[in-house]
Amino acid sequence: MSRDIILLTKQPELLKLWINIIVQYIRENYVDKSVTVDAIVGPETKGFVFAIAVALKLHLPYIPIRKSGKFPADPNDLVETKEIVLEKKV
């Protein structure tokens, strides 16, 4: 069953609670267990709204993941690193 969680954005207190629950889960299960968390990674879809907020609360960068073929077609618009391909800032 799929739920449209984007409706949470219309209720600020519920949105804040939801984000705090996610942050608490990450802290308790990863950060506080000596696991190195370098970034929050999430799909570049509706859920990115939550992932960005979680990343901000944890003081971590957010890395969006796109479906194949969603990157710019021109390879000159990309910068490649060892870990990830990023869009070049113009």
PDB file of N, CA and C in Angstrom:
ATOM      1  N   MET A   1       0.839  -1.169   0.000  1.00  0.00           N
ATOM      2  CA  MET A   1       0.000   0.000   0.000  1.00  0.00           C
ATOM      3  C   MET A   1       0.891   1.242   0.000  1.00  0.00           C
ATOM      4  N   SER A   2       0.564   2.174  -0.823  1.00  0.00           N
ATOM      5  CA  SER A   2       1.332   3.407  -0.935  1.00  0.00           C
ATOM      6  C   SER A   2       0.554   4.553  -0.286  1.00  0.00           C
ATOM      7  N   ARG A   3       1.279   5.412   0.410  1.00  0.00           N
ATOM      8  CA  ARG A   3       0.663   6.585   1.046  1.00  0.00           C
ATOM      9  C   ARG A   3       1.326   7.846   0.505  1.00  0.00           C
ATOM     10  N   ASP A   4       0.538   8.884   0.337  1.00  0.00           N
ATOM     11  CA  ASP A   4       1.081  10.154  -0.126  1.00  0.00           C
ATOM     12  C   ASP A   4       1.529  10.954   1.089  1.00  0.00           C
ATOM     13  N   ILE A   5       2.825  10.823   1.434  1.00  0.00           N
ATOM     14  CA  ILE A   5       3.341  11.488   2.631  1.00  0.00           C
ATOM     15  C   ILE A   5       3.548  12.985   2.433  1.00  0.00           C
ATOM     16  N   ILE A   6       3.452  13.454   1.201  1.00  0.00           N
ATOM     17  CA  ILE A   6       3.647  14.879   0.934  1.00  0.00           C
ATOM     18  C   ILE A   6       2.550  15.704   1.629  1.00  0.00           C
ATOM     19  N   LEU A   7       1.430  15.062   1.980  1.00  0.00           N
ATOM     20  CA  LEU A   7       0.358  15.774   2.685  1.00  0.00           C
ATOM     21  C   LEU A   7       0.809  16.270   4.057  1.00  0.00           C
ATOM     22  N   LEU A   8       1.872  15.656   4.593  1.00  0.00           N
ATOM     23  CA  LEU A   8       2.410  16.120   5.876  1.00  0.00           C
ATOM     24  C   LEU A   8       2.898  17.561   5.805  1.00  0.00           C
ATOM     25  N   THR A   9       3.276  18.008   4.623  1.00  0.00           N
ATOM     26  CA  THR A   9       3.805  19.375   4.489  1.00  0.00           C
ATOM     27  C   THR A   9       2.732  20.425   4.738  1.00  0.00           C
ATOM     28  N   LYS A  10       1.474  20.029   4.704  1.00  0.00           N
ATOM     29  CA  LYS A  10       0.383  20.974   4.957  1.00  0.00           C
ATOM     30  C   LYS A  10       0.098  21.142   6.445  1.00  0.00           C
ATOM     31  N   GLN A  11       0.757  20.309   7.278  1.00  0.00           N
ATOM     32  CA  GLN A  11       0.546  20.359   8.720  1.00  0.00           C
ATOM     33  C   GLN A  11       1.900  20.529   9.403  1.00  0.00           C
ATOM     34  N   PRO A  12       2.339  21.763   9.629  1.00  0.00           N
ATOM     35  CA  PRO A  12       3.686  22.023  10.139  1.00  0.00           C
ATOM     36  C   PRO A  12       4.062  21.246  11.402  1.00  0.00           C
ATOM     37  N   GLU A  13       3.156  21.120  12.356  1.00  0.00           N
ATOM     38  CA  GLU A  13       3.492  20.404  13.591  1.00  0.00           C
ATOM     39  C   GLU A  13       3.692  18.914  13.331  1.00  0.00           C
ATOM     40  N   LEU A  14       2.867  18.347  12.467  1.00  0.00           N
ATOM     41  CA  LEU A  14       3.006  16.940  12.112  1.00  0.00           C
ATOM     42  C   LEU A  14       4.280  16.712  11.300  1.00  0.00           C
ATOM     43  N   LEU A  15       4.587  17.640  10.412  1.00  0.00           N
ATOM     44  CA  LEU A  15       5.818  17.565   9.622  1.00  0.00           C
ATOM     45  C   LEU A  15       7.044  17.607  10.538  1.00  0.00           C
ATOM     46  N   LYS A  16       7.038  18.526  11.483  1.00  0.00           N
ATOM     47  CA  LYS A  16       8.141  18.645  12.435  1.00  0.00           C
ATOM     48  C   LYS A  16       8.299  17.357  13.245  1.00  0.00           C
ATOM     49  N   LEU A  17       7.186  16.802  13.702  1.00  0.00           N
ATOM     50  CA  LEU A  17       7.218  15.548  14.457  1.00  0.00           C
ATOM     51  C   LEU A  17       7.801  14.413  13.608  1.00  0.00           C
ATOM     52  N   TRP A  18       7.360  14.292  12.373  1.00  0.00           N
ATOM     53  CA  TRP A  18       7.827  13.244  11.471  1.00  0.00           C
ATOM     54  C   TRP A  18       9.335  13.358  11.233  1.00  0.00           C
ATOM     55  N   ILE A  19       9.811  14.551  10.988  1.00  0.00           N
ATOM     56  CA  ILE A  19      11.243  14.766  10.756  1.00  0.00           C
ATOM     57  C   ILE A  19      12.036  14.438  12.025  1.00  0.00           C
ATOM     58  N   ASN A  20      11.534  14.859  13.183  1.00  0.00           N
ATOM     59  CA  ASN A  20      12.212  14.557  14.444  1.00  0.00           C
ATOM     60  C   ASN A  20      12.269  13.057  14.720  1.00  0.00           C
ATOM     61  N   ILE A  21      11.225  12.324  14.354  1.00  0.00           N
ATOM     62  CA  ILE A  21      11.227  10.862  14.520  1.00  0.00           C
ATOM     63  C   ILE A  21      12.304  10.237  13.650  1.00  0.00           C
ATOM     64  N   ILE A  22      12.421  10.685  12.418  1.00  0.00           N
ATOM     65  CA  ILE A  22      13.451  10.153  11.509  1.00  0.00           C
ATOM     66  C   ILE A  22      14.847  10.473  12.042  1.00  0.00           C
ATOM     67  N   VAL A  23      15.061  11.716  12.477  1.00  0.00           N
ATOM     68  CA  VAL A  23      16.361  12.131  13.012  1.00  0.00           C
ATOM     69  C   VAL A  23      16.705  11.309  14.252  1.00  0.00           C
ATOM     70  N   GLN A  24      15.748  11.135  15.154  1.00  0.00           N
ATOM     71  CA  GLN A  24      15.979  10.344  16.363  1.00  0.00           C
ATOM     72  C   GLN A  24      16.352   8.907  16.000  1.00  0.00           C
ATOM     73  N   TYR A  25      15.669   8.326  15.030  1.00  0.00           N
ATOM     74  CA  TYR A  25      15.967   6.956  14.598  1.00  0.00           C
ATOM     75  C   TYR A  25      17.404   6.851  14.073  1.00  0.00           C
ATOM     76  N   ILE A  26      17.797   7.798  13.251  1.00  0.00           N
ATOM     77  CA  ILE A  26      19.161   7.785  12.695  1.00  0.00           C
ATOM     78  C   ILE A  26      20.190   7.948  13.810  1.00  0.00           C
ATOM     79  N   ARG A  27      19.950   8.882  14.716  1.00  0.00           N
ATOM     80  CA  ARG A  27      20.893   9.087  15.824  1.00  0.00           C
ATOM     81  C   ARG A  27      21.019   7.830  16.695  1.00  0.00           C
ATOM     82  N   GLU A  28      19.895   7.248  17.060  1.00  0.00           N
ATOM     83  CA  GLU A  28      19.914   6.083  17.951  1.00  0.00           C
ATOM     84  C   GLU A  28      20.498   4.839  17.297  1.00  0.00           C
ATOM     85  N   ASN A  29      20.268   4.665  16.000  1.00  0.00           N
ATOM     86  CA  ASN A  29      20.682   3.434  15.331  1.00  0.00           C
ATOM     87  C   ASN A  29      21.991   3.539  14.563  1.00  0.00           C
ATOM     88  N   TYR A  30      22.465   4.754  14.336  1.00  0.00           N
ATOM     89  CA  TYR A  30      23.684   4.911  13.558  1.00  0.00           C
ATOM     90  C   TYR A  30      24.688   5.838  14.235  1.00  0.00           C
ATOM     91  N   VAL A  31      24.339   7.098  14.373  1.00  0.00           N
ATOM     92  CA  VAL A  31      25.265   8.100  14.879  1.00  0.00           C
ATOM     93  C   VAL A  31      25.749   7.755  16.286  1.00  0.00           C
ATOM     94  N   ASP A  32      24.853   7.389  17.179  1.00  0.00           N
ATOM     95  CA  ASP A  32      25.224   7.088  18.559  1.00  0.00           C
ATOM     96  C   ASP A  32      25.873   5.713  18.720  1.00  0.00           C
ATOM     97  N   LYS A  33      25.959   4.953  17.657  1.00  0.00           N
ATOM     98  CA  LYS A  33      26.573   3.623  17.711  1.00  0.00           C
ATOM     99  C   LYS A  33      27.942   3.630  17.039  1.00  0.00           C
ATOM    100  N   SER A  34      28.549   4.791  16.980  1.00  0.00           N
ATOM    101  CA  SER A  34      29.885   4.960  16.398  1.00  0.00           C
ATOM    102  C   SER A  34      29.943   4.581  14.913  1.00  0.00           C
ATOM    103  N   VAL A  35      28.838   4.704  14.230  1.00  0.00           N
ATOM    104  CA  VAL A  35      28.810   4.488  12.784  1.00  0.00           C
ATOM    105  C   VAL A  35      29.035   5.855  12.139  1.00  0.00           C
ATOM    106  N   THR A  36      29.942   5.922  11.203  1.00  0.00           N
ATOM    107  CA  THR A  36      30.193   7.191  10.526  1.00  0.00           C
ATOM    108  C   THR A  36      29.101   7.439   9.492  1.00  0.00           C
ATOM    109  N   VAL A  37      28.406   8.542   9.653  1.00  0.00           N
ATOM    110  CA  VAL A  37      27.379   8.951   8.699  1.00  0.00           C
ATOM    111  C   VAL A  37      27.911  10.209   8.029  1.00  0.00           C
ATOM    112  N   ASP A  38      28.217  10.097   6.730  1.00  0.00           N
ATOM    113  CA  ASP A  38      28.815  11.210   5.996  1.00  0.00           C
ATOM    114  C   ASP A  38      27.794  12.090   5.293  1.00  0.00           C
ATOM    115  N   ALA A  39      26.638  11.525   4.972  1.00  0.00           N
ATOM    116  CA  ALA A  39      25.637  12.280   4.225  1.00  0.00           C
ATOM    117  C   ALA A  39      24.302  11.557   4.297  1.00  0.00           C
ATOM    118  N   ILE A  40      23.254  12.279   3.984  1.00  0.00           N
ATOM    119  CA  ILE A  40      21.928  11.694   3.821  1.00  0.00           C
ATOM    120  C   ILE A  40      21.695  11.595   2.320  1.00  0.00           C
ATOM    121  N   VAL A  41      21.370  10.402   1.871  1.00  0.00           N
ATOM    122  CA  VAL A  41      21.160  10.143   0.451  1.00  0.00           C
ATOM    123  C   VAL A  41      19.698   9.771   0.252  1.00  0.00           C
ATOM    124  N   GLY A  42      19.072  10.347  -0.763  1.00  0.00           N
ATOM    125  CA  GLY A  42      17.665  10.027  -0.988  1.00  0.00           C
ATOM    126  C   GLY A  42      17.254  10.251  -2.415  1.00  0.00           C
ATOM    127  N   PRO A  43      16.124   9.691  -2.786  1.00  0.00           N
ATOM    128  CA  PRO A  43      15.634   9.858  -4.154  1.00  0.00           C
ATOM    129  C   PRO A  43      15.218  11.293  -4.412  1.00  0.00           C
ATOM    130  N   GLU A  44      15.426  11.721  -5.628  1.00  0.00           N
ATOM    131  CA  GLU A  44      15.033  13.077  -6.015  1.00  0.00           C
ATOM    132  C   GLU A  44      13.565  13.027  -6.464  1.00  0.00           C
ATOM    133  N   THR A  45      12.708  12.769  -5.505  1.00  0.00           N
ATOM    134  CA  THR A  45      11.266  12.709  -5.727  1.00  0.00           C
ATOM    135  C   THR A  45      10.605  13.427  -4.561  1.00  0.00           C
ATOM    136  N   LYS A  46       9.357  13.128  -4.301  1.00  0.00           N
ATOM    137  CA  LYS A  46       8.657  13.804  -3.201  1.00  0.00           C
ATOM    138  C   LYS A  46       9.383  13.685  -1.873  1.00  0.00           C
ATOM    139  N   GLY A  47       9.995  12.545  -1.598  1.00  0.00           N
ATOM    140  CA  GLY A  47      10.659  12.309  -0.326  1.00  0.00           C
ATOM    141  C   GLY A  47      11.850  13.201  -0.061  1.00  0.00           C
ATOM    142  N   PHE A  48      12.351  13.876  -1.097  1.00  0.00           N
ATOM    143  CA  PHE A  48      13.522  14.730  -0.891  1.00  0.00           C
ATOM    144  C   PHE A  48      13.227  15.845   0.101  1.00  0.00           C
ATOM    145  N   VAL A  49      11.976  16.238   0.209  1.00  0.00           N
ATOM    146  CA  VAL A  49      11.596  17.282   1.155  1.00  0.00           C
ATOM    147  C   VAL A  49      11.997  16.868   2.569  1.00  0.00           C
ATOM    148  N   PHE A  50      11.744  15.618   2.915  1.00  0.00           N
ATOM    149  CA  PHE A  50      12.060  15.111   4.239  1.00  0.00           C
ATOM    150  C   PHE A  50      13.554  14.872   4.387  1.00  0.00           C
ATOM    151  N   ALA A  51      14.171  14.322   3.369  1.00  0.00           N
ATOM    152  CA  ALA A  51      15.600  14.007   3.437  1.00  0.00           C
ATOM    153  C   ALA A  51      16.433  15.268   3.629  1.00  0.00           C
ATOM    154  N   ILE A  52      16.079  16.341   2.965  1.00  0.00           N
ATOM    155  CA  ILE A  52      16.817  17.597   3.115  1.00  0.00           C
ATOM    156  C   ILE A  52      16.667  18.125   4.541  1.00  0.00           C
ATOM    157  N   ALA A  53      15.468  18.083   5.088  1.00  0.00           N
ATOM    158  CA  ALA A  53      15.243  18.550   6.452  1.00  0.00           C
ATOM    159  C   ALA A  53      16.019  17.702   7.459  1.00  0.00           C
ATOM    160  N   VAL A  54      16.039  16.396   7.248  1.00  0.00           N
ATOM    161  CA  VAL A  54      16.789  15.493   8.126  1.00  0.00           C
ATOM    162  C   VAL A  54      18.279  15.805   8.034  1.00  0.00           C
ATOM    163  N   ALA A  55      18.779  15.978   6.824  1.00  0.00           N
ATOM    164  CA  ALA A  55      20.199  16.303   6.636  1.00  0.00           C
ATOM    165  C   ALA A  55      20.561  17.595   7.362  1.00  0.00           C
ATOM    166  N   LEU A  56      19.722  18.598   7.257  1.00  0.00           N
ATOM    167  CA  LEU A  56      19.982  19.869   7.939  1.00  0.00           C
ATOM    168  C   LEU A  56      20.028  19.698   9.454  1.00  0.00           C
ATOM    169  N   LYS A  57      19.081  18.947  10.000  1.00  0.00           N
ATOM    170  CA  LYS A  57      19.051  18.744  11.461  1.00  0.00           C
ATOM    171  C   LYS A  57      20.265  17.956  11.948  1.00  0.00           C
ATOM    172  N   LEU A  58      20.806  17.086  11.092  1.00  0.00           N
ATOM    173  CA  LEU A  58      21.970  16.287  11.467  1.00  0.00           C
ATOM    174  C   LEU A  58      23.287  16.954  11.054  1.00  0.00           C
ATOM    175  N   HIS A  59      23.188  18.140  10.455  1.00  0.00           N
ATOM    176  CA  HIS A  59      24.360  18.883   9.977  1.00  0.00           C
ATOM    177  C   HIS A  59      25.174  18.051   8.981  1.00  0.00           C
ATOM    178  N   LEU A  60      24.452  17.435   8.054  1.00  0.00           N
ATOM    179  CA  LEU A  60      25.074  16.597   7.022  1.00  0.00           C
ATOM    180  C   LEU A  60      24.637  17.063   5.648  1.00  0.00           C
ATOM    181  N   PRO A  61      25.452  16.803   4.626  1.00  0.00           N
ATOM    182  CA  PRO A  61      25.026  17.136   3.270  1.00  0.00           C
ATOM    183  C   PRO A  61      23.933  16.182   2.797  1.00  0.00           C
ATOM    184  N   TYR A  62      23.134  16.644   1.857  1.00  0.00           N
ATOM    185  CA  TYR A  62      22.109  15.811   1.223  1.00  0.00           C
ATOM    186  C   TYR A  62      22.561  15.503  -0.191  1.00  0.00           C
ATOM    187  N   ILE A  63      22.511  14.240  -0.577  1.00  0.00           N
ATOM    188  CA  ILE A  63      22.905  13.826  -1.929  1.00  0.00           C
ATOM    189  C   ILE A  63      21.681  13.228  -2.611  1.00  0.00           C
ATOM    190  N   PRO A  64      21.143  13.924  -3.624  1.00  0.00           N
ATOM    191  CA  PRO A  64      19.976  13.382  -4.326  1.00  0.00           C
ATOM    192  C   PRO A  64      20.391  12.290  -5.307  1.00  0.00           C
ATOM    193  N   ILE A  65      19.541  11.295  -5.449  1.00  0.00           N
ATOM    194  CA  ILE A  65      19.778  10.228  -6.417  1.00  0.00           C
ATOM    195  C   ILE A  65      18.680  10.325  -7.464  1.00  0.00           C
ATOM    196  N   ARG A  66      19.084  10.279  -8.721  1.00  0.00           N
ATOM    197  CA  ARG A  66      18.133  10.389  -9.819  1.00  0.00           C
ATOM    198  C   ARG A  66      18.009   9.067 -10.555  1.00  0.00           C
ATOM    199  N   LYS A  67      16.888   8.905 -11.247  1.00  0.00           N
ATOM    200  CA  LYS A  67      16.713   7.750 -12.106  1.00  0.00           C
ATOM    201  C   LYS A  67      17.696   7.848 -13.262  1.00  0.00           C
ATOM    202  N   SER A  68      18.064   6.708 -13.791  1.00  0.00           N
ATOM    203  CA  SER A  68      18.964   6.663 -14.943  1.00  0.00           C
ATOM    204  C   SER A  68      18.377   7.497 -16.075  1.00  0.00           C
ATOM    205  N   GLY A  69      19.229   8.261 -16.742  1.00  0.00           N
ATOM    206  CA  GLY A  69      18.784   9.077 -17.867  1.00  0.00           C
ATOM    207  C   GLY A  69      18.305  10.453 -17.463  1.00  0.00           C
ATOM    208  N   LYS A  70      18.270  10.750 -16.190  1.00  0.00           N
ATOM    209  CA  LYS A  70      17.811  12.063 -15.730  1.00  0.00           C
ATOM    210  C   LYS A  70      18.940  13.087 -15.649  1.00  0.00           C
ATOM    211  N   PHE A  71      20.188  12.624 -15.747  1.00  0.00           N
ATOM    212  CA  PHE A  71      21.310  13.555 -15.758  1.00  0.00           C
ATOM    213  C   PHE A  71      21.316  14.318 -17.080  1.00  0.00           C
ATOM    214  N   PRO A  72      21.934  15.473 -17.125  1.00  0.00           N
ATOM    215  CA  PRO A  72      22.042  16.187 -18.400  1.00  0.00           C
ATOM    216  C   PRO A  72      22.721  15.306 -19.449  1.00  0.00           C
ATOM    217  N   ALA A  73      22.247  15.400 -20.670  1.00  0.00           N
ATOM    218  CA  ALA A  73      22.758  14.545 -21.745  1.00  0.00           C
ATOM    219  C   ALA A  73      24.185  14.911 -22.139  1.00  0.00           C
ATOM    220  N   ASP A  74      24.557  16.185 -22.035  1.00  0.00           N
ATOM    221  CA  ASP A  74      25.880  16.635 -22.459  1.00  0.00           C
ATOM    222  C   ASP A  74      26.909  16.310 -21.381  1.00  0.00           C
ATOM    223  N   PRO A  75      27.896  15.429 -21.701  1.00  0.00           N
ATOM    224  CA  PRO A  75      28.903  15.065 -20.700  1.00  0.00           C
ATOM    225  C   PRO A  75      29.745  16.244 -20.225  1.00  0.00           C
ATOM    226  N   ASN A  76      29.768  17.341 -20.966  1.00  0.00           N
ATOM    227  CA  ASN A  76      30.512  18.523 -20.540  1.00  0.00           C
ATOM    228  C   ASN A  76      29.832  19.222 -19.362  1.00  0.00           C
ATOM    229  N   ASP A  77      28.599  18.838 -19.073  1.00  0.00           N
ATOM    230  CA  ASP A  77      27.870  19.421 -17.950  1.00  0.00           C
ATOM    231  C   ASP A  77      28.071  18.636 -16.660  1.00  0.00           C
ATOM    232  N   LEU A  78      28.934  17.618 -16.680  1.00  0.00           N
ATOM    233  CA  LEU A  78      29.146  16.776 -15.512  1.00  0.00           C
ATOM    234  C   LEU A  78      30.567  16.892 -14.990  1.00  0.00           C
ATOM    235  N   VAL A  79      30.700  16.742 -13.696  1.00  0.00           N
ATOM    236  CA  VAL A  79      32.004  16.684 -13.049  1.00  0.00           C
ATOM    237  C   VAL A  79      32.071  15.318 -12.375  1.00  0.00           C
ATOM    238  N   GLU A  80      33.136  14.560 -12.624  1.00  0.00           N
ATOM    239  CA  GLU A  80      33.237  13.225 -12.050  1.00  0.00           C
ATOM    240  C   GLU A  80      34.237  13.209 -10.905  1.00  0.00           C
ATOM    241  N   THR A  81      33.850  12.563  -9.812  1.00  0.00           N
ATOM    242  CA  THR A  81      34.744  12.357  -8.681  1.00  0.00           C
ATOM    243  C   THR A  81      34.853  10.856  -8.463  1.00  0.00           C
ATOM    244  N   LYS A  82      35.636  10.433  -7.490  1.00  0.00           N
ATOM    245  CA  LYS A  82      35.767   9.006  -7.205  1.00  0.00           C
ATOM    246  C   LYS A  82      34.455   8.402  -6.721  1.00  0.00           C
ATOM    247  N   GLU A  83      33.628   9.191  -6.040  1.00  0.00           N
ATOM    248  CA  GLU A  83      32.464   8.637  -5.376  1.00  0.00           C
ATOM    249  C   GLU A  83      31.144   8.857  -6.100  1.00  0.00           C
ATOM    250  N   ILE A  84      30.995   9.966  -6.791  1.00  0.00           N
ATOM    251  CA  ILE A  84      29.689  10.289  -7.356  1.00  0.00           C
ATOM    252  C   ILE A  84      29.861  11.246  -8.531  1.00  0.00           C
ATOM    253  N   VAL A  85      28.925  11.242  -9.432  1.00  0.00           N
ATOM    254  CA  VAL A  85      28.932  12.186 -10.545  1.00  0.00           C
ATOM    255  C   VAL A  85      28.007  13.330 -10.170  1.00  0.00           C
ATOM    256  N   LEU A  86      28.520  14.532 -10.232  1.00  0.00           N
ATOM    257  CA  LEU A  86      27.757  15.715  -9.842  1.00  0.00           C
ATOM    258  C   LEU A  86      27.552  16.624 -11.037  1.00  0.00           C
ATOM    259  N   GLU A  87      26.477  17.392 -11.003  1.00  0.00           N
ATOM    260  CA  GLU A  87      26.265  18.385 -12.050  1.00  0.00           C
ATOM    261  C   GLU A  87      27.226  19.543 -11.846  1.00  0.00           C
ATOM    262  N   LYS A  88      27.804  20.017 -12.957  1.00  0.00           N
ATOM    263  CA  LYS A  88      28.704  21.161 -12.885  1.00  0.00           C
ATOM    264  C   LYS A  88      27.875  22.410 -12.665  1.00  0.00           C
ATOM    265  N   LYS A  89      28.306  23.241 -11.742  1.00  0.00           N
ATOM    266  CA  LYS A  89      27.637  24.525 -11.496  1.00  0.00           C
ATOM    267  C   LYS A  89      28.015  25.477 -12.620  1.00  0.00           C
ATOM    268  N   VAL A  90      27.023  26.117 -13.190  1.00  0.00           N
ATOM    269  CA  VAL A  90      27.272  27.055 -14.290  1.00  0.00           C
ATOM    270  C   VAL A  90      27.165  28.468 -13.792  1.00  0.00           C
TER     271      VAL A  90
END
